């Protein structure tokens, strides 16, 4: 197992910038385009329900869960179209962050991973169609591990998957304080993401 420096980035909120709470969330025109209100319908009736946690943990396929929800809205026949809409709108990639990670890898010879709470289909879209796979040694995600951040086992399992022997050789970057705390409890170094400038300053002295 390796103890060379490892950089680990979260996806939503660090690499992809259309998450809930951002200046321009992916659902900004959802009401206009689909007749669905994210805050009053989609989030409380789907994303914040236990069924979506089962999707994120890889125990239930996204299309199965979403079909049931959309069926109740009379939209089940547009399932594929809805997923395509969501994935495209939710892929506002910060290329400056990826460039900083690439430059850090080139300077230090370290490895770069992503660690994120995601399900299988969106990961495939981000990795293959949005090109994230070219920037990471691997995208490690909850549905593949069967557990979500900030649970400790997410970080310990991810560390084993990365083949890292010394937890302090990992620098983890996430925009959620609970995830940063979870990583630190597992022995990782971790920083709360505050934008590309702060990340650049940290990477200049890491590794």
Protein backbone atom coordinates (compact mmCIF):
# COMPACT_ATOMS: atom_id res chain seq x y z
CA UNK A 1 0.00 0.00 0.00
CA UNK A 2 1.14 3.53 -0.78
CA UNK A 3 1.83 6.43 1.60
CA UNK A 4 2.66 9.00 -1.14
CA UNK A 5 0.45 12.13 -1.15
CA UNK A 6 -3.13 11.68 -2.28
CA UNK A 7 -5.61 14.40 -3.16
CA UNK A 8 -9.31 13.54 -2.83
CA UNK A 9 -12.01 15.90 -4.09
CA UNK A 10 -15.74 15.89 -3.49
CA UNK A 11 -17.85 16.27 -6.65
CA UNK A 12 -21.01 18.31 -5.95
CA UNK A 13 -19.98 21.65 -4.52
CA UNK A 14 -16.31 21.32 -5.49
CA UNK A 15 -16.03 19.94 -9.02
CA UNK A 16 -19.66 20.35 -10.09
CA UNK A 17 -21.39 23.58 -9.15
CA UNK A 18 -25.13 23.20 -9.79
CA UNK A 19 -26.05 21.59 -6.48
CA UNK A 20 -28.88 22.79 -4.22
CA UNK A 21 -27.91 26.00 -2.46
CA UNK A 22 -25.63 27.17 -5.26
CA UNK A 23 -26.11 30.44 -7.14
CA UNK A 24 -27.53 28.57 -10.15
CA UNK A 25 -28.88 25.16 -9.09
CA UNK A 26 -29.67 22.58 -11.76
CA UNK A 27 -33.40 22.92 -11.12
CA UNK A 28 -33.53 26.71 -11.70
CA UNK A 29 -35.97 26.31 -14.62
CA UNK A 30 -37.53 23.01 -13.53
CA UNK A 31 -40.93 24.57 -12.84
CA UNK A 32 -40.96 26.20 -16.25
CA UNK A 33 -39.67 23.16 -18.13
CA UNK A 34 -41.42 20.33 -16.27
CA UNK A 35 -44.12 21.85 -14.11
CA UNK A 36 -42.36 20.53 -11.00
CA UNK A 37 -41.38 22.64 -8.01
CA UNK A 38 -38.07 21.39 -6.63
CA UNK A 39 -38.39 22.81 -3.11
CA UNK A 40 -42.06 21.92 -2.62
CA UNK A 41 -42.29 18.68 -4.61
CA UNK A 42 -39.16 17.02 -5.95
CA UNK A 43 -36.89 17.48 -2.96
CA UNK A 44 -39.30 16.61 -0.12
CA UNK A 45 -41.08 13.90 -2.10
CA UNK A 46 -38.03 12.21 -3.64
CA UNK A 47 -34.51 13.45 -2.90
CA UNK A 48 -35.07 13.80 0.86
CA UNK A 49 -36.97 10.53 1.20
CA UNK A 50 -35.38 7.27 2.44
CA UNK A 51 -35.87 5.78 -1.03
CA UNK A 52 -33.23 8.11 -2.49
CA UNK A 53 -30.78 7.15 0.23
CA UNK A 54 -31.27 3.57 -0.90
CA UNK A 55 -30.37 4.72 -4.41
CA UNK A 56 -27.25 6.51 -3.14
CA UNK A 57 -26.20 3.38 -1.25
CA UNK A 58 -26.57 1.27 -4.38
CA UNK A 59 -29.46 -0.80 -3.02
CA UNK A 60 -32.06 0.47 -5.48
CA UNK A 61 -31.64 1.53 -9.10
CA UNK A 62 -32.31 5.21 -9.81
CA UNK A 63 -34.62 4.46 -12.72
CA UNK A 64 -36.78 2.15 -10.63
CA UNK A 65 -37.14 4.68 -7.81
CA UNK A 66 -37.65 7.65 -10.11
CA UNK A 67 -40.19 5.83 -12.26
CA UNK A 68 -42.41 5.31 -9.23
CA UNK A 69 -42.15 8.99 -8.30
CA UNK A 70 -42.78 10.30 -11.82
CA UNK A 71 -45.67 7.90 -12.26
CA UNK A 72 -47.46 9.76 -9.50
CA UNK A 73 -46.91 12.98 -11.43
CA UNK A 74 -48.12 11.56 -14.74
CA UNK A 75 -44.59 11.75 -16.15
CA UNK A 76 -43.44 8.12 -16.08
CA UNK A 77 -43.36 7.94 -19.88
CA UNK A 78 -40.75 10.72 -19.87
CA UNK A 79 -38.39 9.04 -17.40
CA UNK A 80 -35.38 8.87 -19.73
CA UNK A 81 -35.94 12.44 -20.84
CA UNK A 82 -36.11 13.66 -17.24
CA UNK A 83 -32.89 11.92 -16.23
CA UNK A 84 -31.11 13.35 -19.28
CA UNK A 85 -32.39 16.82 -18.37
CA UNK A 86 -31.27 16.48 -14.75
CA UNK A 87 -27.83 15.11 -15.54
CA UNK A 88 -27.10 17.76 -18.17
CA UNK A 89 -28.28 20.65 -15.99
CA UNK A 90 -26.40 19.21 -12.99
CA UNK A 91 -23.05 19.10 -14.77
CA UNK A 92 -21.66 22.61 -14.40
CA UNK A 93 -18.03 21.54 -14.14
CA UNK A 94 -15.43 23.85 -12.61
CA UNK A 95 -12.59 23.26 -15.03
CA UNK A 96 -10.30 25.49 -12.94
CA UNK A 97 -10.54 23.04 -10.04
CA UNK A 98 -9.74 20.12 -12.33
CA UNK A 99 -6.80 22.06 -13.79
CA UNK A 100 -5.49 22.73 -10.27
CA UNK A 101 -5.72 19.03 -9.44
CA UNK A 102 -3.98 18.12 -12.70
CA UNK A 103 -1.19 20.61 -11.97
CA UNK A 104 -0.78 19.28 -8.44
CA UNK A 105 -0.48 15.74 -9.79
CA UNK A 106 2.16 16.82 -12.31
CA UNK A 107 4.14 18.74 -9.69
CA UNK A 108 4.08 16.14 -6.93
CA UNK A 109 3.59 12.83 -8.69
CA UNK A 110 0.73 12.17 -6.27
CA UNK A 111 -2.57 10.53 -7.09
CA UNK A 112 -5.96 12.23 -7.39
CA UNK A 113 -9.33 10.68 -6.55
CA UNK A 114 -12.91 11.83 -6.21
CA UNK A 115 -15.01 10.71 -3.24
CA UNK A 116 -18.70 11.46 -3.52
CA UNK A 117 -22.22 10.46 -2.59
CA UNK A 118 -23.60 9.40 -5.99
CA UNK A 119 -25.53 6.64 -7.70
CA UNK A 120 -24.31 4.55 -10.61
CA UNK A 121 -25.94 6.30 -13.58
CA UNK A 122 -24.87 9.85 -12.78
CA UNK A 123 -21.33 8.72 -12.03
CA UNK A 124 -21.15 7.07 -15.45
CA UNK A 125 -22.43 10.26 -17.06
CA UNK A 126 -19.94 12.50 -15.25
CA UNK A 127 -17.04 10.11 -15.74
CA UNK A 128 -17.59 9.24 -19.39
CA UNK A 129 -19.64 11.99 -21.02
CA UNK A 130 -18.37 14.95 -19.01
CA UNK A 131 -14.80 13.66 -19.00
CA UNK A 132 -14.17 13.54 -15.26
CA UNK A 133 -12.60 10.12 -15.58
CA UNK A 134 -9.55 11.64 -17.27
CA UNK A 135 -8.74 13.70 -14.18
CA UNK A 136 -8.96 11.05 -11.46
CA UNK A 137 -7.27 7.76 -10.76
CA UNK A 138 -10.74 6.63 -9.71
CA UNK A 139 -14.07 8.16 -8.77
CA UNK A 140 -15.03 6.46 -5.52
CA UNK A 141 -18.73 6.78 -4.77
CA UNK A 142 -21.34 5.73 -2.28
CA UNK A 143 -23.39 3.38 -4.45
CA UNK A 144 -20.28 1.33 -5.20
CA UNK A 145 -19.27 1.21 -1.52
CA UNK A 146 -22.75 0.68 -0.12
CA UNK A 147 -22.35 3.55 2.35
CA UNK A 148 -22.53 7.34 2.25
CA UNK A 149 -20.42 10.16 3.63
CA UNK A 150 -20.05 11.21 6.40
CA UNK A 151 -20.16 7.67 7.85
CA UNK A 152 -16.71 6.56 8.99
CA UNK A 153 -16.85 3.31 7.01
CA UNK A 154 -17.14 5.35 3.79
CA UNK A 155 -13.70 6.82 4.45
CA UNK A 156 -12.04 3.67 5.71
CA UNK A 157 -13.36 1.66 2.76
CA UNK A 158 -12.34 4.39 0.32
CA UNK A 159 -8.86 4.45 1.82
CA UNK A 160 -8.50 0.71 1.34
CA UNK A 161 -9.78 1.03 -2.23
CA UNK A 162 -7.17 3.72 -2.93
CA UNK A 163 -4.46 1.49 -1.50
CA UNK A 164 -3.29 4.12 0.99
CA UNK A 165 -1.50 2.88 4.11
CA UNK A 166 -1.12 6.17 5.99
CA UNK A 167 -4.38 8.11 6.43
CA UNK A 168 -2.58 11.47 7.01
CA UNK A 169 -1.12 11.24 3.49
CA UNK A 170 -4.64 11.98 2.17
CA UNK A 171 -5.91 15.54 1.72
CA UNK A 172 -9.70 15.56 1.36
CA UNK A 173 -11.60 18.59 0.06
CA UNK A 174 -15.37 18.88 0.59
CA UNK A 175 -17.87 21.73 0.84
CA UNK A 176 -19.84 20.13 3.70
CA UNK A 177 -18.52 20.43 7.24
CA UNK A 178 -20.00 17.08 8.30
CA UNK A 179 -18.04 15.30 5.57
CA UNK A 180 -14.84 17.11 6.52
CA UNK A 181 -15.36 16.07 10.14
CA UNK A 182 -16.03 12.48 9.06
CA UNK A 183 -12.80 12.36 7.10
CA UNK A 184 -10.81 13.75 10.01
CA UNK A 185 -12.33 11.16 12.33
CA UNK A 186 -10.94 8.53 9.96
CA UNK A 187 -7.48 10.10 10.21
CA UNK A 188 -7.47 11.96 6.90
CA UNK A 189 -6.35 15.53 6.51
CA UNK A 190 -9.36 17.51 5.32
CA UNK A 191 -10.29 21.04 4.39
CA UNK A 192 -13.65 22.73 4.02
CA UNK A 193 -13.87 23.98 0.44
CA UNK A 194 -14.26 27.75 0.16
CA UNK A 195 -13.52 28.22 -3.53
CA UNK A 196 -10.75 27.61 -6.07
CA UNK A 197 -8.47 30.32 -4.67
CA UNK A 198 -8.27 28.72 -1.22
CA UNK A 199 -7.79 25.32 -2.82
CA UNK A 200 -4.94 26.68 -4.93
CA UNK A 201 -3.19 28.08 -1.87
CA UNK A 202 -3.53 24.78 -0.04
CA UNK A 203 -2.29 22.69 -2.96
CA UNK A 204 0.73 24.95 -3.38
CA UNK A 205 2.07 23.65 -0.08
CA UNK A 206 0.67 20.10 -0.11
CA UNK A 207 2.72 17.14 -1.26
